[in-house]
Amino acid sequence: MSNAGDLDRIFKALANCARRAICDELKLRPLTTKQLCAGFPELDRTTVMMHLRVLEEAGLVVPVRKGRERFNYLDAMPIQSIHERWIGPHAAQAAMGLHRLKDELEKEKQTSG
């Protein structure tokens, strides 16, 4: 993740529930644009393409042309970078707190028992 603009694009892309749903579908396997359109009947093809373009610009979707078809692959690395920057450190602190609590409870149990 090179700069704040990259982060802004990622957060903008993930702020929309339809784009998150597209990412959820692509997490399972790459899909053609036609398959994605079929999976979201409430959206017309143009809207699906617009969402895919936003996801591409954020680096979350990588399109690969194979003949006449366009396969869309999820690239989770931008999400991993966000996790490492914001979520991981907080999760580590929470785990350390739970470990300290466990240690203290075990000490209390040993001294009272």
N, C-alpha and C. Protein backbone atom coordinates (compact mmCIF):
# COMPACT_ATOMS: atom_id res chain seq x y z
N MET A 1 0.86 -1.15 0.00
CA MET A 1 0.00 0.00 0.00
C MET A 1 0.91 1.22 0.00
N SER A 2 0.88 1.95 -1.09
CA SER A 2 1.91 2.96 -1.25
C SER A 2 1.54 4.32 -0.68
N ASN A 3 0.27 4.69 -0.70
CA ASN A 3 -0.04 6.03 -0.21
C ASN A 3 -1.48 6.14 0.27
N ALA A 4 -1.81 7.33 0.76
CA ALA A 4 -3.15 7.57 1.30
C ALA A 4 -4.22 7.44 0.22
N GLY A 5 -3.89 7.80 -1.00
CA GLY A 5 -4.86 7.67 -2.09
C GLY A 5 -5.26 6.22 -2.32
N ASP A 6 -4.27 5.32 -2.20
CA ASP A 6 -4.57 3.89 -2.34
C ASP A 6 -5.54 3.44 -1.25
N LEU A 7 -5.28 3.87 -0.02
CA LEU A 7 -6.17 3.52 1.09
C LEU A 7 -7.57 4.07 0.87
N ASP A 8 -7.65 5.31 0.41
CA ASP A 8 -8.95 5.92 0.15
C ASP A 8 -9.74 5.11 -0.87
N ARG A 9 -9.07 4.66 -1.93
CA ARG A 9 -9.75 3.87 -2.95
C ARG A 9 -10.24 2.53 -2.38
N ILE A 10 -9.43 1.91 -1.54
CA ILE A 10 -9.82 0.63 -0.95
C ILE A 10 -11.02 0.80 -0.04
N PHE A 11 -10.96 1.80 0.84
CA PHE A 11 -12.09 2.03 1.75
C PHE A 11 -13.34 2.43 0.98
N LYS A 12 -13.20 3.24 -0.06
CA LYS A 12 -14.36 3.63 -0.88
C LYS A 12 -14.97 2.39 -1.52
N ALA A 13 -14.11 1.51 -2.05
CA ALA A 13 -14.61 0.30 -2.71
C ALA A 13 -15.35 -0.59 -1.72
N LEU A 14 -14.82 -0.73 -0.53
CA LEU A 14 -15.42 -1.63 0.46
C LEU A 14 -16.59 -1.00 1.20
N ALA A 15 -16.81 0.29 1.01
CA ALA A 15 -17.91 0.96 1.70
C ALA A 15 -19.28 0.60 1.12
N ASN A 16 -19.30 0.06 -0.08
CA ASN A 16 -20.56 -0.26 -0.75
C ASN A 16 -20.90 -1.74 -0.55
N CYS A 17 -22.14 -2.03 -0.14
CA CYS A 17 -22.53 -3.42 0.15
C CYS A 17 -22.53 -4.30 -1.10
N ALA A 18 -22.86 -3.75 -2.25
CA ALA A 18 -22.83 -4.55 -3.48
C ALA A 18 -21.40 -4.95 -3.83
N ARG A 19 -20.46 -4.03 -3.64
CA ARG A 19 -19.06 -4.36 -3.93
C ARG A 19 -18.50 -5.37 -2.94
N ARG A 20 -18.92 -5.25 -1.67
CA ARG A 20 -18.49 -6.27 -0.70
C ARG A 20 -19.06 -7.63 -1.07
N ALA A 21 -20.29 -7.65 -1.55
CA ALA A 21 -20.91 -8.92 -1.97
C ALA A 21 -20.18 -9.51 -3.18
N ILE A 22 -19.77 -8.66 -4.11
CA ILE A 22 -18.99 -9.13 -5.26
C ILE A 22 -17.67 -9.73 -4.77
N CYS A 23 -17.01 -9.05 -3.84
CA CYS A 23 -15.76 -9.59 -3.28
C CYS A 23 -16.00 -10.94 -2.60
N ASP A 24 -17.12 -11.06 -1.89
CA ASP A 24 -17.46 -12.33 -1.24
C ASP A 24 -17.59 -13.45 -2.27
N GLU A 25 -18.23 -13.15 -3.39
CA GLU A 25 -18.39 -14.15 -4.44
C GLU A 25 -17.04 -14.52 -5.06
N LEU A 26 -16.22 -13.52 -5.28
CA LEU A 26 -14.91 -13.77 -5.91
C LEU A 26 -13.94 -14.44 -4.95
N LYS A 27 -14.22 -14.35 -3.66
CA LYS A 27 -13.36 -15.01 -2.67
C LYS A 27 -13.42 -16.53 -2.85
N LEU A 28 -14.56 -17.01 -3.31
CA LEU A 28 -14.76 -18.45 -3.49
C LEU A 28 -14.05 -18.98 -4.73
N ARG A 29 -14.08 -18.17 -5.81
CA ARG A 29 -13.47 -18.59 -7.07
C ARG A 29 -13.56 -17.42 -8.06
N PRO A 30 -12.69 -17.40 -9.07
CA PRO A 30 -12.81 -16.36 -10.09
C PRO A 30 -14.11 -16.57 -10.88
N LEU A 31 -14.73 -15.48 -11.26
CA LEU A 31 -15.98 -15.54 -12.03
C LEU A 31 -15.88 -14.62 -13.24
N THR A 32 -16.58 -15.02 -14.30
CA THR A 32 -16.67 -14.13 -15.45
C THR A 32 -17.63 -13.00 -15.10
N THR A 33 -17.55 -11.94 -15.86
CA THR A 33 -18.48 -10.84 -15.64
C THR A 33 -19.91 -11.32 -15.85
N LYS A 34 -20.13 -12.18 -16.82
CA LYS A 34 -21.47 -12.73 -17.07
C LYS A 34 -21.97 -13.51 -15.85
N GLN A 35 -21.11 -14.31 -15.24
CA GLN A 35 -21.49 -15.06 -14.05
C GLN A 35 -21.82 -14.13 -12.88
N LEU A 36 -21.03 -13.07 -12.74
CA LEU A 36 -21.32 -12.10 -11.68
C LEU A 36 -22.67 -11.41 -11.91
N CYS A 37 -22.94 -11.05 -13.13
CA CYS A 37 -24.22 -10.42 -13.45
C CYS A 37 -25.38 -11.36 -13.11
N ALA A 38 -25.21 -12.63 -13.41
CA ALA A 38 -26.26 -13.61 -13.12
C ALA A 38 -26.44 -13.77 -11.61
N GLY A 39 -25.36 -13.60 -10.85
CA GLY A 39 -25.43 -13.74 -9.40
C GLY A 39 -26.04 -12.55 -8.70
N PHE A 40 -26.20 -11.45 -9.43
CA PHE A 40 -26.79 -10.24 -8.86
C PHE A 40 -27.92 -9.75 -9.77
N PRO A 41 -29.03 -10.51 -9.80
CA PRO A 41 -30.11 -10.16 -10.72
C PRO A 41 -30.76 -8.80 -10.43
N GLU A 42 -30.57 -8.28 -9.22
CA GLU A 42 -31.14 -6.98 -8.87
C GLU A 42 -30.35 -5.82 -9.50
N LEU A 43 -29.16 -6.13 -10.04
CA LEU A 43 -28.31 -5.12 -10.67
C LEU A 43 -28.23 -5.37 -12.17
N ASP A 44 -28.29 -4.30 -12.95
CA ASP A 44 -28.10 -4.49 -14.39
C ASP A 44 -26.61 -4.62 -14.70
N ARG A 45 -26.30 -5.07 -15.89
CA ARG A 45 -24.90 -5.33 -16.28
C ARG A 45 -24.03 -4.09 -16.15
N THR A 46 -24.56 -2.93 -16.52
CA THR A 46 -23.79 -1.69 -16.44
C THR A 46 -23.40 -1.38 -15.00
N THR A 47 -24.31 -1.62 -14.07
CA THR A 47 -24.04 -1.36 -12.66
C THR A 47 -22.98 -2.33 -12.13
N VAL A 48 -23.08 -3.60 -12.51
CA VAL A 48 -22.06 -4.58 -12.10
C VAL A 48 -20.70 -4.16 -12.64
N MET A 49 -20.65 -3.73 -13.90
CA MET A 49 -19.39 -3.29 -14.50
C MET A 49 -18.82 -2.06 -13.78
N MET A 50 -19.70 -1.14 -13.37
CA MET A 50 -19.26 0.04 -12.63
C MET A 50 -18.63 -0.38 -11.30
N HIS A 51 -19.29 -1.31 -10.60
CA HIS A 51 -18.75 -1.80 -9.33
C HIS A 51 -17.40 -2.50 -9.55
N LEU A 52 -17.30 -3.30 -10.59
CA LEU A 52 -16.04 -3.98 -10.89
C LEU A 52 -14.93 -2.97 -11.18
N ARG A 53 -15.26 -1.89 -11.88
CA ARG A 53 -14.26 -0.87 -12.19
C ARG A 53 -13.73 -0.22 -10.90
N VAL A 54 -14.63 0.08 -9.95
CA VAL A 54 -14.20 0.66 -8.67
C VAL A 54 -13.31 -0.33 -7.92
N LEU A 55 -13.68 -1.61 -7.93
CA LEU A 55 -12.87 -2.63 -7.25
C LEU A 55 -11.50 -2.79 -7.93
N GLU A 56 -11.48 -2.71 -9.26
CA GLU A 56 -10.20 -2.77 -9.99
C GLU A 56 -9.31 -1.59 -9.62
N GLU A 57 -9.87 -0.39 -9.62
CA GLU A 57 -9.10 0.80 -9.31
C GLU A 57 -8.52 0.75 -7.90
N ALA A 58 -9.20 0.03 -7.02
CA ALA A 58 -8.72 -0.12 -5.64
C ALA A 58 -7.72 -1.26 -5.52
N GLY A 59 -7.52 -2.01 -6.60
CA GLY A 59 -6.59 -3.13 -6.57
C GLY A 59 -7.17 -4.38 -5.95
N LEU A 60 -8.49 -4.42 -5.78
CA LEU A 60 -9.13 -5.57 -5.15
C LEU A 60 -9.55 -6.64 -6.14
N VAL A 61 -9.73 -6.26 -7.39
CA VAL A 61 -10.12 -7.20 -8.44
C VAL A 61 -9.12 -7.09 -9.59
N VAL A 62 -8.71 -8.25 -10.07
CA VAL A 62 -7.79 -8.31 -11.21
C VAL A 62 -8.52 -9.03 -12.33
N PRO A 63 -8.79 -8.33 -13.44
CA PRO A 63 -9.46 -8.99 -14.57
C PRO A 63 -8.44 -9.66 -15.48
N VAL A 64 -8.82 -10.82 -15.98
CA VAL A 64 -7.97 -11.56 -16.93
C VAL A 64 -8.84 -11.98 -18.09
N ARG A 65 -8.46 -11.56 -19.28
CA ARG A 65 -9.21 -11.94 -20.48
C ARG A 65 -8.74 -13.30 -20.97
N LYS A 66 -9.70 -14.16 -21.23
CA LYS A 66 -9.43 -15.47 -21.84
C LYS A 66 -10.41 -15.60 -23.00
N GLY A 67 -9.90 -15.34 -24.19
CA GLY A 67 -10.78 -15.32 -25.35
C GLY A 67 -11.75 -14.16 -25.23
N ARG A 68 -13.03 -14.48 -25.35
CA ARG A 68 -14.07 -13.44 -25.27
C ARG A 68 -14.52 -13.19 -23.84
N GLU A 69 -14.08 -14.03 -22.91
CA GLU A 69 -14.53 -13.90 -21.54
C GLU A 69 -13.53 -13.13 -20.69
N ARG A 70 -14.05 -12.47 -19.71
CA ARG A 70 -13.24 -11.72 -18.76
C ARG A 70 -13.45 -12.35 -17.39
N PHE A 71 -12.41 -12.97 -16.87
CA PHE A 71 -12.48 -13.57 -15.54
C PHE A 71 -12.01 -12.54 -14.52
N ASN A 72 -12.71 -12.47 -13.41
CA ASN A 72 -12.40 -11.52 -12.35
C ASN A 72 -11.88 -12.29 -11.14
N TYR A 73 -10.69 -11.93 -10.70
CA TYR A 73 -10.04 -12.57 -9.57
C TYR A 73 -9.97 -11.59 -8.41
N LEU A 74 -10.23 -12.07 -7.21
CA LEU A 74 -10.07 -11.23 -6.03
C LEU A 74 -8.59 -11.18 -5.64
N ASP A 75 -8.10 -9.99 -5.38
CA ASP A 75 -6.76 -9.82 -4.83
C ASP A 75 -6.94 -9.30 -3.40
N ALA A 76 -6.75 -10.17 -2.43
CA ALA A 76 -7.00 -9.81 -1.03
C ALA A 76 -5.83 -9.09 -0.37
N MET A 77 -4.74 -8.87 -1.08
CA MET A 77 -3.58 -8.22 -0.48
C MET A 77 -3.88 -6.82 0.08
N PRO A 78 -4.67 -5.99 -0.61
CA PRO A 78 -4.99 -4.69 0.00
C PRO A 78 -5.74 -4.84 1.33
N ILE A 79 -6.61 -5.82 1.42
CA ILE A 79 -7.35 -6.05 2.66
C ILE A 79 -6.38 -6.55 3.73
N GLN A 80 -5.45 -7.41 3.35
CA GLN A 80 -4.43 -7.91 4.29
C GLN A 80 -3.58 -6.75 4.81
N SER A 81 -3.25 -5.82 3.95
CA SER A 81 -2.45 -4.66 4.38
C SER A 81 -3.21 -3.83 5.41
N ILE A 82 -4.50 -3.64 5.19
CA ILE A 82 -5.33 -2.91 6.15
C ILE A 82 -5.37 -3.67 7.48
N HIS A 83 -5.52 -4.98 7.40
CA HIS A 83 -5.54 -5.80 8.62
C HIS A 83 -4.23 -5.65 9.39
N GLU A 84 -3.12 -5.74 8.69
CA GLU A 84 -1.82 -5.63 9.36
C GLU A 84 -1.62 -4.26 10.00
N ARG A 85 -2.16 -3.23 9.37
CA ARG A 85 -1.94 -1.88 9.89
C ARG A 85 -2.85 -1.55 11.07
N TRP A 86 -4.13 -1.94 11.01
CA TRP A 86 -5.07 -1.51 12.03
C TRP A 86 -5.62 -2.63 12.91
N ILE A 87 -5.95 -3.74 12.33
CA ILE A 87 -6.64 -4.78 13.09
C ILE A 87 -5.65 -5.66 13.85
N GLY A 88 -4.59 -6.08 13.19
CA GLY A 88 -3.62 -6.98 13.80
C GLY A 88 -3.06 -6.49 15.12
N PRO A 89 -2.58 -5.23 15.19
CA PRO A 89 -2.03 -4.75 16.46
C PRO A 89 -3.06 -4.75 17.59
N HIS A 90 -4.30 -4.41 17.28
CA HIS A 90 -5.35 -4.40 18.31
C HIS A 90 -5.69 -5.82 18.75
N ALA A 91 -5.72 -6.73 17.81
CA ALA A 91 -5.99 -8.13 18.14
C ALA A 91 -4.88 -8.70 19.01
N ALA A 92 -3.64 -8.33 18.72
CA ALA A 92 -2.51 -8.80 19.52
C ALA A 92 -2.61 -8.27 20.94
N GLN A 93 -2.97 -7.01 21.09
CA GLN A 93 -3.12 -6.43 22.44
C GLN A 93 -4.24 -7.12 23.20
N ALA A 94 -5.34 -7.42 22.52
CA ALA A 94 -6.46 -8.10 23.18
C ALA A 94 -6.04 -9.50 23.61
N ALA A 95 -5.30 -10.21 22.77
CA ALA A 95 -4.83 -11.55 23.12
C ALA A 95 -3.87 -11.50 24.30
N MET A 96 -3.00 -10.49 24.34
CA MET A 96 -2.08 -10.36 25.47
C MET A 96 -2.85 -10.08 26.76
N GLY A 97 -3.89 -9.27 26.68
CA GLY A 97 -4.71 -8.98 27.85
C GLY A 97 -5.40 -10.23 28.36
N LEU A 98 -5.91 -11.04 27.46
CA LEU A 98 -6.54 -12.30 27.87
C LEU A 98 -5.53 -13.26 28.50
N HIS A 99 -4.32 -13.26 27.96
CA HIS A 99 -3.27 -14.12 28.51
C HIS A 99 -2.91 -13.67 29.94
N ARG A 100 -2.79 -12.35 30.15
CA ARG A 100 -2.49 -11.84 31.49
C ARG A 100 -3.62 -12.18 32.46
N LEU A 101 -4.86 -12.04 32.02
CA LEU A 101 -6.01 -12.38 32.86
C LEU A 101 -5.98 -13.85 33.24
N LYS A 102 -5.70 -14.71 32.28
CA LYS A 102 -5.61 -16.15 32.54
C LYS A 102 -4.52 -16.43 33.58
N ASP A 103 -3.36 -15.81 33.41
CA ASP A 103 -2.26 -16.00 34.36
C ASP A 103 -2.67 -15.57 35.77
N GLU A 104 -3.31 -14.41 35.88
CA GLU A 104 -3.72 -13.91 37.19
C GLU A 104 -4.76 -14.82 37.83
N LEU A 105 -5.72 -15.30 37.05
CA LEU A 105 -6.73 -16.20 37.59
C LEU A 105 -6.11 -17.51 38.06
N GLU A 106 -5.14 -18.00 37.30
CA GLU A 106 -4.45 -19.24 37.71
C GLU A 106 -3.65 -19.03 39.00
N LYS A 107 -3.02 -17.85 39.15
CA LYS A 107 -2.28 -17.54 40.37
C LYS A 107 -3.23 -17.48 41.57
N GLU A 108 -4.38 -16.84 41.37
CA GLU A 108 -5.37 -16.75 42.45
C GLU A 108 -5.85 -18.14 42.85
N LYS A 109 -6.07 -18.98 41.88
CA LYS A 109 -6.54 -20.32 42.15
C LYS A 109 -5.50 -21.11 42.95
N GLN A 110 -4.24 -20.93 42.61
CA GLN A 110 -3.16 -21.65 43.30
C GLN A 110 -3.01 -21.14 44.75
N THR A 111 -3.14 -19.84 44.96
CA THR A 111 -2.96 -19.29 46.31
C THR A 111 -4.16 -19.56 47.20
N SER A 112 -5.33 -19.67 46.60
CA SER A 112 -6.54 -19.93 47.42
C SER A 112 -6.81 -21.42 47.60
N GLY A 113 -6.21 -22.25 46.80
CA GLY A 113 -6.52 -23.67 46.84
C GLY A 113 -5.53 -24.48 47.53
